[in-house]
Amino acid sequence: MSSFDDIFAAQTGRQRWGDQPFDKDAWAAKKQEERKELYALADATAVEISSNGEKFQAYLDVQARFSRYTPTNALLILAQMPEATQLRDFDAWKDLGVSVQRKPRSVKILEPGREYDREDGTRGTSFEVKRVYDVSQTRGRLRTSPAVQPDSRTLLKALIHRSPIPIQTVESIPNNLGALYDHQQQVIFVCRGMGAEDIFRSVSKELCHAELAGIREDYNRNDAAFAAYSASYLLCKKYGIDVPDYHFSRLPAAFREQDAKTIRESLAEIKDTANQISARMYRSLEQSRTPKGKVQER
């Protein structure tokens, strides 16, 4: 068999490529530096959105579009490409028959990697830097199925599907509220006669209060108001409900005074609260799409 190794040999006096050793330590140091840079960017963005209502709302818009992404990655998307709508890596776009443009603008995120043992005996997860590209950075026609928006009745039924507490309609609620979570009675009161979108906005907010009451040992309505309000906004954006009356110009002082780590924890609570409700909605909407009389495959 012929050998072609000589084609990789450099000219006299130059080192051959094959003789260059792989420096594992240098590679690991480079990756560690990349991770540090991304965490620093996420921290700086977290601090920025905590004192700027417009930026905070922009963050929520990103998180609503990328509901499966962690708040840290949503912050990174906001910092690098806030207008992004669909993000995939090179291979994922290729699998869809779409090519990434030459010299594309990428977004760096942190992808979960291997688990490891911490010094205190607990398990941790390492994160690796991953480059992803928005659909705007691709060429070719992406085949997508048109989104089917459920009718108002179906959407509202999904919203209250398996609510953690009873929901009761009443003629009126003080202060012209559309709905109200009563922590003492463990019930959500809903004012009769509202339109579908008003019901979604008001009930979603009170459902968020109920979810927060279930995870906060020291639940207080005033303290939970900002998280419930923000989680309700996420749900509205995800399900196509108009948000004209949501305003974030006055962020709570307690939120503005948090450090970057605590801000990310607050963002995670907001996201998880919305996702708990969204998960129940998803199951309800899937059931509604199943033709009557047809048994779903398991």
C-alpha atoms as a PDB file:
ATOM      1  CA  MET A   1       0.000   0.000   0.000  1.00  0.00           C
ATOM      2  CA  SER A   2       1.328   3.406  -0.933  1.00  0.00           C
ATOM      3  CA  SER A   3       2.094   5.901   1.791  1.00  0.00           C
ATOM      4  CA  PHE A   4       1.057   9.503   1.400  1.00  0.00           C
ATOM      5  CA  ASP A   5       2.448  10.756   4.688  1.00  0.00           C
ATOM      6  CA  ASP A   6       5.068  12.761   2.858  1.00  0.00           C
ATOM      7  CA  ILE A   7       2.477  15.244   1.548  1.00  0.00           C
ATOM      8  CA  PHE A   8       2.067  16.562   5.090  1.00  0.00           C
ATOM      9  CA  ALA A   9       5.786  17.083   5.536  1.00  0.00           C
ATOM     10  CA  ALA A  10       6.754  20.750   5.494  1.00  0.00           C
ATOM     11  CA  GLN A  11       9.672  22.057   3.547  1.00  0.00           C
ATOM     12  CA  THR A  12      13.135  21.651   4.969  1.00  0.00           C
ATOM     13  CA  GLY A  13      13.595  23.472   8.243  1.00  0.00           C
ATOM     14  CA  ARG A  14       9.880  23.521   9.143  1.00  0.00           C
ATOM     15  CA  GLN A  15       8.100  21.325  11.666  1.00  0.00           C
ATOM     16  CA  ARG A  16       5.575  18.880  10.322  1.00  0.00           C
ATOM     17  CA  TRP A  17       1.931  19.186  11.433  1.00  0.00           C
ATOM     18  CA  GLY A  18       1.966  15.632  12.746  1.00  0.00           C
ATOM     19  CA  ASP A  19       4.851  16.453  15.053  1.00  0.00           C
ATOM     20  CA  GLN A  20       2.925  19.219  16.825  1.00  0.00           C
ATOM     21  CA  PRO A  21       1.744  17.798  20.170  1.00  0.00           C
ATOM     22  CA  PHE A  22      -1.774  18.497  21.436  1.00  0.00           C
ATOM     23  CA  ASP A  23      -1.529  20.698  24.495  1.00  0.00           C
ATOM     24  CA  LYS A  24      -4.407  19.475  26.632  1.00  0.00           C
ATOM     25  CA  ASP A  25      -3.727  21.968  29.421  1.00  0.00           C
ATOM     26  CA  ALA A  26      -3.698  24.930  27.039  1.00  0.00           C
ATOM     27  CA  TRP A  27      -6.930  23.755  25.444  1.00  0.00           C
ATOM     28  CA  ALA A  28      -8.600  23.360  28.865  1.00  0.00           C
ATOM     29  CA  ALA A  29      -7.351  26.797  29.961  1.00  0.00           C
ATOM     30  CA  LYS A  30      -8.788  28.359  26.807  1.00  0.00           C
ATOM     31  CA  LYS A  31     -12.180  26.718  27.399  1.00  0.00           C
ATOM     32  CA  GLN A  32     -12.154  27.838  31.013  1.00  0.00           C
ATOM     33  CA  GLU A  33     -11.433  31.403  29.946  1.00  0.00           C
ATOM     34  CA  GLU A  34     -14.331  31.295  27.477  1.00  0.00           C
ATOM     35  CA  ARG A  35     -16.670  30.115  30.225  1.00  0.00           C
ATOM     36  CA  LYS A  36     -15.486  32.879  32.553  1.00  0.00           C
ATOM     37  CA  GLU A  37     -16.116  35.482  29.858  1.00  0.00           C
ATOM     38  CA  LEU A  38     -19.669  34.224  29.293  1.00  0.00           C
ATOM     39  CA  TYR A  39     -20.492  34.115  33.002  1.00  0.00           C
ATOM     40  CA  ALA A  40     -19.125  37.648  33.330  1.00  0.00           C
ATOM     41  CA  LEU A  41     -21.309  38.761  30.406  1.00  0.00           C
ATOM     42  CA  ALA A  42     -24.375  37.095  31.948  1.00  0.00           C
ATOM     43  CA  ASP A  43     -23.658  38.759  35.296  1.00  0.00           C
ATOM     44  CA  ALA A  44     -23.228  42.189  33.726  1.00  0.00           C
ATOM     45  CA  THR A  45     -26.470  41.763  31.754  1.00  0.00           C
ATOM     46  CA  ALA A  46     -28.324  40.612  34.874  1.00  0.00           C
ATOM     47  CA  VAL A  47     -27.241  43.723  36.754  1.00  0.00           C
ATOM     48  CA  GLU A  48     -28.238  45.885  33.786  1.00  0.00           C
ATOM     49  CA  ILE A  49     -31.783  44.502  33.504  1.00  0.00           C
ATOM     50  CA  SER A  50     -32.313  44.842  37.267  1.00  0.00           C
ATOM     51  CA  SER A  51     -32.088  48.623  37.002  1.00  0.00           C
ATOM     52  CA  ASN A  52     -33.615  49.183  33.563  1.00  0.00           C
ATOM     53  CA  GLY A  53     -37.269  48.322  33.030  1.00  0.00           C
ATOM     54  CA  GLU A  54     -37.026  48.400  29.244  1.00  0.00           C
ATOM     55  CA  LYS A  55     -34.087  45.997  29.317  1.00  0.00           C
ATOM     56  CA  PHE A  56     -35.892  43.751  31.784  1.00  0.00           C
ATOM     57  CA  GLN A  57     -38.913  43.527  29.498  1.00  0.00           C
ATOM     58  CA  ALA A  58     -36.582  42.740  26.575  1.00  0.00           C
ATOM     59  CA  TYR A  59     -35.130  39.915  28.669  1.00  0.00           C
ATOM     60  CA  LEU A  60     -38.636  38.537  29.304  1.00  0.00           C
ATOM     61  CA  ASP A  61     -39.334  38.671  25.553  1.00  0.00           C
ATOM     62  CA  VAL A  62     -36.211  36.577  24.920  1.00  0.00           C
ATOM     63  CA  GLN A  63     -37.069  34.121  27.706  1.00  0.00           C
ATOM     64  CA  ALA A  64     -40.600  33.754  26.310  1.00  0.00           C
ATOM     65  CA  ARG A  65     -39.238  32.814  22.885  1.00  0.00           C
ATOM     66  CA  PHE A  66     -36.682  30.433  24.378  1.00  0.00           C
ATOM     67  CA  SER A  67     -38.642  28.972  27.284  1.00  0.00           C
ATOM     68  CA  ARG A  68     -36.434  25.884  27.488  1.00  0.00           C
ATOM     69  CA  TYR A  69     -33.267  27.919  27.893  1.00  0.00           C
ATOM     70  CA  THR A  70     -31.907  28.767  31.310  1.00  0.00           C
ATOM     71  CA  PRO A  71     -32.094  32.383  32.484  1.00  0.00           C
ATOM     72  CA  THR A  72     -28.300  32.554  32.121  1.00  0.00           C
ATOM     73  CA  ASN A  73     -28.558  31.624  28.444  1.00  0.00           C
ATOM     74  CA  ALA A  74     -31.499  33.997  27.936  1.00  0.00           C
ATOM     75  CA  LEU A  75     -29.303  36.752  29.356  1.00  0.00           C
ATOM     76  CA  LEU A  76     -26.513  35.763  26.969  1.00  0.00           C
ATOM     77  CA  ILE A  77     -28.901  35.852  24.003  1.00  0.00           C
ATOM     78  CA  LEU A  78     -30.151  39.262  25.104  1.00  0.00           C
ATOM     79  CA  ALA A  79     -26.575  40.556  25.281  1.00  0.00           C
ATOM     80  CA  GLN A  80     -25.484  39.130  21.915  1.00  0.00           C
ATOM     81  CA  MET A  81     -28.568  38.914  19.674  1.00  0.00           C
ATOM     82  CA  PRO A  82     -31.820  40.023  21.329  1.00  0.00           C
ATOM     83  CA  GLU A  83     -33.717  39.766  18.041  1.00  0.00           C
ATOM     84  CA  ALA A  84     -32.991  36.013  17.679  1.00  0.00           C
ATOM     85  CA  THR A  85     -36.028  33.787  17.114  1.00  0.00           C
ATOM     86  CA  GLN A  86     -34.632  30.308  16.325  1.00  0.00           C
ATOM     87  CA  LEU A  87     -31.217  29.142  17.492  1.00  0.00           C
ATOM     88  CA  ARG A  88     -29.465  25.926  16.503  1.00  0.00           C
ATOM     89  CA  ASP A  89     -25.891  24.803  16.112  1.00  0.00           C
ATOM     90  CA  PHE A  90     -24.281  24.156  12.731  1.00  0.00           C
ATOM     91  CA  ASP A  91     -25.109  20.442  12.627  1.00  0.00           C
ATOM     92  CA  ALA A  92     -28.725  20.940  13.697  1.00  0.00           C
ATOM     93  CA  TRP A  93     -29.321  23.421  10.868  1.00  0.00           C
ATOM     94  CA  LYS A  94     -27.624  21.012   8.470  1.00  0.00           C
ATOM     95  CA  ASP A  95     -29.949  18.201   9.564  1.00  0.00           C
ATOM     96  CA  LEU A  96     -32.876  20.447   8.597  1.00  0.00           C
ATOM     97  CA  GLY A  97     -31.418  20.957   5.150  1.00  0.00           C
ATOM     98  CA  VAL A  98     -30.425  24.539   5.872  1.00  0.00           C
ATOM     99  CA  SER A  99     -26.903  25.913   5.581  1.00  0.00           C
ATOM    100  CA  VAL A 100     -25.297  28.559   7.758  1.00  0.00           C
ATOM    101  CA  GLN A 101     -23.993  31.639   5.962  1.00  0.00           C
ATOM    102  CA  ARG A 102     -20.300  32.289   5.519  1.00  0.00           C
ATOM    103  CA  LYS A 103     -18.837  34.273   8.424  1.00  0.00           C
ATOM    104  CA  PRO A 104     -22.119  34.161  10.344  1.00  0.00           C
ATOM    105  CA  ARG A 105     -22.851  36.068  13.495  1.00  0.00           C
ATOM    106  CA  SER A 106     -23.006  33.467  16.240  1.00  0.00           C
ATOM    107  CA  VAL A 107     -24.354  33.436  19.768  1.00  0.00           C
ATOM    108  CA  LYS A 108     -22.390  31.768  22.526  1.00  0.00           C
ATOM    109  CA  ILE A 109     -24.369  29.918  25.176  1.00  0.00           C
ATOM    110  CA  LEU A 110     -23.512  27.484  27.970  1.00  0.00           C
ATOM    111  CA  GLU A 111     -24.524  23.871  27.386  1.00  0.00           C
ATOM    112  CA  PRO A 112     -24.701  21.319  30.228  1.00  0.00           C
ATOM    113  CA  GLY A 113     -21.839  18.823  30.043  1.00  0.00           C
ATOM    114  CA  ARG A 114     -20.539  16.157  32.376  1.00  0.00           C
ATOM    115  CA  GLU A 115     -21.547  15.722  35.969  1.00  0.00           C
ATOM    116  CA  TYR A 116     -18.844  15.785  38.632  1.00  0.00           C
ATOM    117  CA  ASP A 117     -18.426  15.394  42.391  1.00  0.00           C
ATOM    118  CA  ARG A 118     -17.987  18.570  44.406  1.00  0.00           C
ATOM    119  CA  GLU A 119     -15.720  18.753  47.420  1.00  0.00           C
ATOM    120  CA  ASP A 120     -18.758  18.710  49.726  1.00  0.00           C
ATOM    121  CA  GLY A 121     -19.943  15.422  48.198  1.00  0.00           C
ATOM    122  CA  THR A 122     -22.789  16.851  46.093  1.00  0.00           C
ATOM    123  CA  ARG A 123     -23.071  16.398  42.347  1.00  0.00           C
ATOM    124  CA  GLY A 124     -22.448  19.293  39.996  1.00  0.00           C
ATOM    125  CA  THR A 125     -22.743  19.817  36.248  1.00  0.00           C
ATOM    126  CA  SER A 126     -20.040  21.354  34.121  1.00  0.00           C
ATOM    127  CA  PHE A 127     -20.993  23.689  31.285  1.00  0.00           C
ATOM    128  CA  GLU A 128     -19.344  23.982  27.894  1.00  0.00           C
ATOM    129  CA  VAL A 129     -19.385  26.916  25.512  1.00  0.00           C
ATOM    130  CA  LYS A 130     -21.542  26.263  22.459  1.00  0.00           C
ATOM    131  CA  ARG A 131     -21.963  28.400  19.363  1.00  0.00           C
ATOM    132  CA  VAL A 132     -25.461  28.615  17.922  1.00  0.00           C
ATOM    133  CA  TYR A 133     -26.836  30.534  14.964  1.00  0.00           C
ATOM    134  CA  ASP A 134     -30.130  32.296  14.449  1.00  0.00           C
ATOM    135  CA  VAL A 135     -32.328  31.502  11.470  1.00  0.00           C
ATOM    136  CA  SER A 136     -31.435  34.956  10.142  1.00  0.00           C
ATOM    137  CA  GLN A 137     -27.864  33.685   9.682  1.00  0.00           C
ATOM    138  CA  THR A 138     -28.860  30.782   7.440  1.00  0.00           C
ATOM    139  CA  ARG A 139     -29.459  30.162   3.748  1.00  0.00           C
ATOM    140  CA  GLY A 140     -32.064  27.951   2.204  1.00  0.00           C
ATOM    141  CA  ARG A 141     -35.742  27.453   2.777  1.00  0.00           C
ATOM    142  CA  LEU A 142     -36.699  26.163   6.191  1.00  0.00           C
ATOM    143  CA  ARG A 143     -39.743  23.939   5.994  1.00  0.00           C
ATOM    144  CA  THR A 144     -42.047  24.713   8.889  1.00  0.00           C
ATOM    145  CA  SER A 145     -45.619  23.832   9.673  1.00  0.00           C
ATOM    146  CA  PRO A 146     -47.874  26.817  10.350  1.00  0.00           C
ATOM    147  CA  ALA A 147     -48.579  27.280  14.039  1.00  0.00           C
ATOM    148  CA  VAL A 148     -52.149  26.420  14.966  1.00  0.00           C
ATOM    149  CA  GLN A 149     -53.495  28.891  17.507  1.00  0.00           C
ATOM    150  CA  PRO A 150     -56.192  27.347  19.704  1.00  0.00           C
ATOM    151  CA  ASP A 151     -59.499  29.167  19.993  1.00  0.00           C
ATOM    152  CA  SER A 152     -60.101  31.304  23.064  1.00  0.00           C
ATOM    153  CA  ARG A 153     -62.220  28.737  24.907  1.00  0.00           C
ATOM    154  CA  THR A 154     -59.671  25.973  24.379  1.00  0.00           C
ATOM    155  CA  LEU A 155     -56.838  28.228  25.514  1.00  0.00           C
ATOM    156  CA  LEU A 156     -58.648  29.299  28.685  1.00  0.00           C
ATOM    157  CA  LYS A 157     -59.542  25.693  29.502  1.00  0.00           C
ATOM    158  CA  ALA A 158     -55.859  24.857  29.124  1.00  0.00           C
ATOM    159  CA  LEU A 159     -54.876  27.739  31.404  1.00  0.00           C
ATOM    160  CA  ILE A 160     -56.950  26.414  34.305  1.00  0.00           C
ATOM    161  CA  HIS A 161     -56.277  22.735  33.543  1.00  0.00           C
ATOM    162  CA  ARG A 162     -55.511  20.963  36.825  1.00  0.00           C
ATOM    163  CA  SER A 163     -55.233  24.211  38.709  1.00  0.00           C
ATOM    164  CA  PRO A 164     -53.520  23.641  42.083  1.00  0.00           C
ATOM    165  CA  ILE A 165     -56.485  25.335  43.805  1.00  0.00           C
ATOM    166  CA  PRO A 166     -60.207  25.815  43.030  1.00  0.00           C
ATOM    167  CA  ILE A 167     -61.324  28.683  40.786  1.00  0.00           C
ATOM    168  CA  GLN A 168     -64.650  30.364  41.502  1.00  0.00           C
ATOM    169  CA  THR A 169     -66.520  33.046  39.536  1.00  0.00           C
ATOM    170  CA  VAL A 170     -68.022  36.039  41.342  1.00  0.00           C
ATOM    171  CA  GLU A 171     -69.939  39.167  40.349  1.00  0.00           C
ATOM    172  CA  SER A 172     -67.237  41.623  41.368  1.00  0.00           C
ATOM    173  CA  ILE A 173     -63.840  41.884  43.050  1.00  0.00           C
ATOM    174  CA  PRO A 174     -62.581  44.902  45.044  1.00  0.00           C
ATOM    175  CA  ASN A 175     -60.305  47.422  43.311  1.00  0.00           C
ATOM    176  CA  ASN A 176     -61.674  46.409  39.882  1.00  0.00           C
ATOM    177  CA  LEU A 177     -59.437  43.351  39.793  1.00  0.00           C
ATOM    178  CA  GLY A 178     -60.293  40.766  37.168  1.00  0.00           C
ATOM    179  CA  ALA A 179     -59.184  37.899  39.385  1.00  0.00           C
ATOM    180  CA  LEU A 180     -57.772  37.443  42.869  1.00  0.00           C
ATOM    181  CA  TYR A 181     -55.868  34.665  44.607  1.00  0.00           C
ATOM    182  CA  ASP A 182     -57.050  34.400  48.217  1.00  0.00           C
ATOM    183  CA  HIS A 183     -54.228  32.758  50.115  1.00  0.00           C
ATOM    184  CA  GLN A 184     -56.240  32.243  53.290  1.00  0.00           C
ATOM    185  CA  GLN A 185     -59.180  30.550  51.569  1.00  0.00           C
ATOM    186  CA  GLN A 186     -56.983  28.840  48.979  1.00  0.00           C
ATOM    187  CA  VAL A 187     -59.155  29.840  46.045  1.00  0.00           C
ATOM    188  CA  ILE A 188     -58.922  32.069  42.976  1.00  0.00           C
ATOM    189  CA  PHE A 189     -61.917  34.346  42.439  1.00  0.00           C
ATOM    190  CA  VAL A 190     -62.655  35.424  38.857  1.00  0.00           C
ATOM    191  CA  CYS A 191     -64.972  38.272  37.915  1.00  0.00           C
ATOM    192  CA  ARG A 192     -67.763  37.270  35.535  1.00  0.00           C
ATOM    193  CA  GLY A 193     -68.326  38.907  32.170  1.00  0.00           C
ATOM    194  CA  MET A 194     -64.721  39.534  31.063  1.00  0.00           C
ATOM    195  CA  GLY A 195     -63.356  38.976  27.573  1.00  0.00           C
ATOM    196  CA  ALA A 196     -61.046  36.052  26.803  1.00  0.00           C
ATOM    197  CA  GLU A 197     -57.763  37.987  26.817  1.00  0.00           C
ATOM    198  CA  ASP A 198     -58.653  39.865  30.020  1.00  0.00           C
ATOM    199  CA  ILE A 199     -59.430  36.524  31.652  1.00  0.00           C
ATOM    200  CA  PHE A 200     -56.120  35.059  30.491  1.00  0.00           C
ATOM    201  CA  ARG A 201     -54.098  38.002  31.764  1.00  0.00           C
ATOM    202  CA  SER A 202     -55.777  38.252  35.156  1.00  0.00           C
ATOM    203  CA  VAL A 203     -56.155  34.538  35.865  1.00  0.00           C
ATOM    204  CA  SER A 204     -52.613  33.709  34.736  1.00  0.00           C
ATOM    205  CA  LYS A 205     -51.267  36.274  37.204  1.00  0.00           C
ATOM    206  CA  GLU A 206     -53.264  34.808  40.081  1.00  0.00           C
ATOM    207  CA  LEU A 207     -52.276  31.272  39.119  1.00  0.00           C
ATOM    208  CA  CYS A 208     -48.674  32.449  39.324  1.00  0.00           C
ATOM    209  CA  HIS A 209     -49.384  33.709  42.841  1.00  0.00           C
ATOM    210  CA  ALA A 210     -50.769  30.281  43.730  1.00  0.00           C
ATOM    211  CA  GLU A 211     -47.668  28.580  42.327  1.00  0.00           C
ATOM    212  CA  LEU A 212     -45.365  30.914  44.256  1.00  0.00           C
ATOM    213  CA  ALA A 213     -47.331  30.344  47.446  1.00  0.00           C
ATOM    214  CA  GLY A 214     -46.639  26.651  47.033  1.00  0.00           C
ATOM    215  CA  ILE A 215     -42.863  27.084  46.926  1.00  0.00           C
ATOM    216  CA  ARG A 216     -42.322  30.058  49.224  1.00  0.00           C
ATOM    217  CA  GLU A 217     -42.533  29.197  52.891  1.00  0.00           C
ATOM    218  CA  ASP A 218     -43.001  32.865  53.783  1.00  0.00           C
ATOM    219  CA  TYR A 219     -45.391  33.746  50.943  1.00  0.00           C
ATOM    220  CA  ASN A 220     -46.611  37.327  51.025  1.00  0.00           C
ATOM    221  CA  ARG A 221     -48.688  38.786  48.197  1.00  0.00           C
ATOM    222  CA  ASN A 222     -46.785  42.047  48.044  1.00  0.00           C
ATOM    223  CA  ASP A 223     -43.413  40.315  48.015  1.00  0.00           C
ATOM    224  CA  ALA A 224     -44.522  37.862  45.312  1.00  0.00           C
ATOM    225  CA  ALA A 225     -46.266  40.460  43.138  1.00  0.00           C
ATOM    226  CA  PHE A 226     -43.294  41.199  40.872  1.00  0.00           C
ATOM    227  CA  ALA A 227     -42.501  37.533  40.197  1.00  0.00           C
ATOM    228  CA  ALA A 228     -46.176  36.704  39.525  1.00  0.00           C
ATOM    229  CA  TYR A 229     -46.555  39.717  37.243  1.00  0.00           C
ATOM    230  CA  SER A 230     -43.426  38.805  35.280  1.00  0.00           C
ATOM    231  CA  ALA A 231     -44.365  35.119  34.986  1.00  0.00           C
ATOM    232  CA  SER A 232     -47.824  36.109  33.751  1.00  0.00           C
ATOM    233  CA  TYR A 233     -46.166  38.276  31.104  1.00  0.00           C
ATOM    234  CA  LEU A 234     -44.119  35.261  29.952  1.00  0.00           C
ATOM    235  CA  LEU A 235     -47.280  33.192  29.578  1.00  0.00           C
ATOM    236  CA  CYS A 236     -49.052  35.926  27.633  1.00  0.00           C
ATOM    237  CA  LYS A 237     -46.136  36.337  25.233  1.00  0.00           C
ATOM    238  CA  LYS A 238     -45.844  32.595  24.717  1.00  0.00           C
ATOM    239  CA  TYR A 239     -49.525  32.112  23.921  1.00  0.00           C
ATOM    240  CA  GLY A 240     -50.060  35.201  21.806  1.00  0.00           C
ATOM    241  CA  ILE A 241     -52.003  37.303  24.308  1.00  0.00           C
ATOM    242  CA  ASP A 242     -51.625  41.075  23.941  1.00  0.00           C
ATOM    243  CA  VAL A 243     -49.720  42.753  26.780  1.00  0.00           C
ATOM    244  CA  PRO A 244     -50.629  46.472  26.507  1.00  0.00           C
ATOM    245  CA  ASP A 245     -51.092  46.944  30.241  1.00  0.00           C
ATOM    246  CA  TYR A 246     -47.862  45.291  31.406  1.00  0.00           C
ATOM    247  CA  HIS A 247     -45.304  47.900  32.391  1.00  0.00           C
ATOM    248  CA  PHE A 248     -41.863  47.452  33.915  1.00  0.00           C
ATOM    249  CA  SER A 249     -40.729  51.056  34.209  1.00  0.00           C
ATOM    250  CA  ARG A 250     -40.689  50.842  38.010  1.00  0.00           C
ATOM    251  CA  LEU A 251     -38.795  47.737  39.082  1.00  0.00           C
ATOM    252  CA  PRO A 252     -38.973  46.843  42.800  1.00  0.00           C
ATOM    253  CA  ALA A 253     -36.179  48.231  44.955  1.00  0.00           C
ATOM    254  CA  ALA A 254     -35.505  44.746  46.349  1.00  0.00           C
ATOM    255  CA  PHE A 255     -34.850  43.476  42.825  1.00  0.00           C
ATOM    256  CA  ARG A 256     -32.643  46.423  41.903  1.00  0.00           C
ATOM    257  CA  GLU A 257     -30.485  45.894  44.966  1.00  0.00           C
ATOM    258  CA  GLN A 258     -29.731  42.213  44.327  1.00  0.00           C
ATOM    259  CA  ASP A 259     -26.344  40.961  43.196  1.00  0.00           C
ATOM    260  CA  ALA A 260     -25.945  39.097  39.894  1.00  0.00           C
ATOM    261  CA  LYS A 261     -26.272  35.613  41.416  1.00  0.00           C
ATOM    262  CA  THR A 262     -29.452  36.497  43.307  1.00  0.00           C
ATOM    263  CA  ILE A 263     -30.901  38.191  40.208  1.00  0.00           C
ATOM    264  CA  ARG A 264     -30.404  34.977  38.231  1.00  0.00           C
ATOM    265  CA  GLU A 265     -32.123  33.040  41.019  1.00  0.00           C
ATOM    266  CA  SER A 266     -35.067  35.454  40.855  1.00  0.00           C
ATOM    267  CA  LEU A 267     -35.221  35.041  37.074  1.00  0.00           C
ATOM    268  CA  ALA A 268     -35.185  31.256  37.494  1.00  0.00           C
ATOM    269  CA  GLU A 269     -38.129  31.463  39.894  1.00  0.00           C
ATOM    270  CA  ILE A 270     -40.082  33.561  37.380  1.00  0.00           C
ATOM    271  CA  LYS A 271     -39.310  31.163  34.538  1.00  0.00           C
ATOM    272  CA  ASP A 272     -40.096  28.037  36.574  1.00  0.00           C
ATOM    273  CA  THR A 273     -43.400  29.516  37.758  1.00  0.00           C
ATOM    274  CA  ALA A 274     -44.504  30.201  34.178  1.00  0.00           C
ATOM    275  CA  ASN A 275     -43.236  26.818  32.996  1.00  0.00           C
ATOM    276  CA  GLN A 276     -45.232  24.934  35.648  1.00  0.00           C
ATOM    277  CA  ILE A 277     -48.442  26.440  34.303  1.00  0.00           C
ATOM    278  CA  SER A 278     -47.323  26.114  30.682  1.00  0.00           C
ATOM    279  CA  ALA A 279     -46.598  22.398  31.169  1.00  0.00           C
ATOM    280  CA  ARG A 280     -50.176  21.796  32.327  1.00  0.00           C
ATOM    281  CA  MET A 281     -51.456  23.883  29.426  1.00  0.00           C
ATOM    282  CA  TYR A 282     -49.415  21.849  26.969  1.00  0.00           C
ATOM    283  CA  ARG A 283     -50.950  18.588  28.179  1.00  0.00           C
ATOM    284  CA  SER A 284     -54.439  20.026  27.911  1.00  0.00           C
ATOM    285  CA  LEU A 285     -53.848  21.422  24.431  1.00  0.00           C
ATOM    286  CA  GLU A 286     -52.409  18.101  23.261  1.00  0.00           C
ATOM    287  CA  GLN A 287     -55.505  16.304  24.514  1.00  0.00           C
ATOM    288  CA  SER A 288     -57.739  18.765  22.678  1.00  0.00           C
ATOM    289  CA  ARG A 289     -55.921  18.006  19.422  1.00  0.00           C
ATOM    290  CA  THR A 290     -56.580  14.271  19.746  1.00  0.00           C
ATOM    291  CA  PRO A 291     -59.720  13.304  17.760  1.00  0.00           C
ATOM    292  CA  LYS A 292     -62.536  11.985  19.903  1.00  0.00           C
ATOM    293  CA  GLY A 293     -62.658   8.214  19.978  1.00  0.00           C
ATOM    294  CA  LYS A 294     -58.976   7.874  19.126  1.00  0.00           C
ATOM    295  CA  VAL A 295     -56.736   6.443  21.792  1.00  0.00           C
ATOM    296  CA  GLN A 296     -53.403   8.190  22.162  1.00  0.00           C
ATOM    297  CA  GLU A 297     -50.351   6.015  21.774  1.00  0.00           C
ATOM    298  CA  ARG A 298     -48.192   5.724  24.827  1.00  0.00           C
END
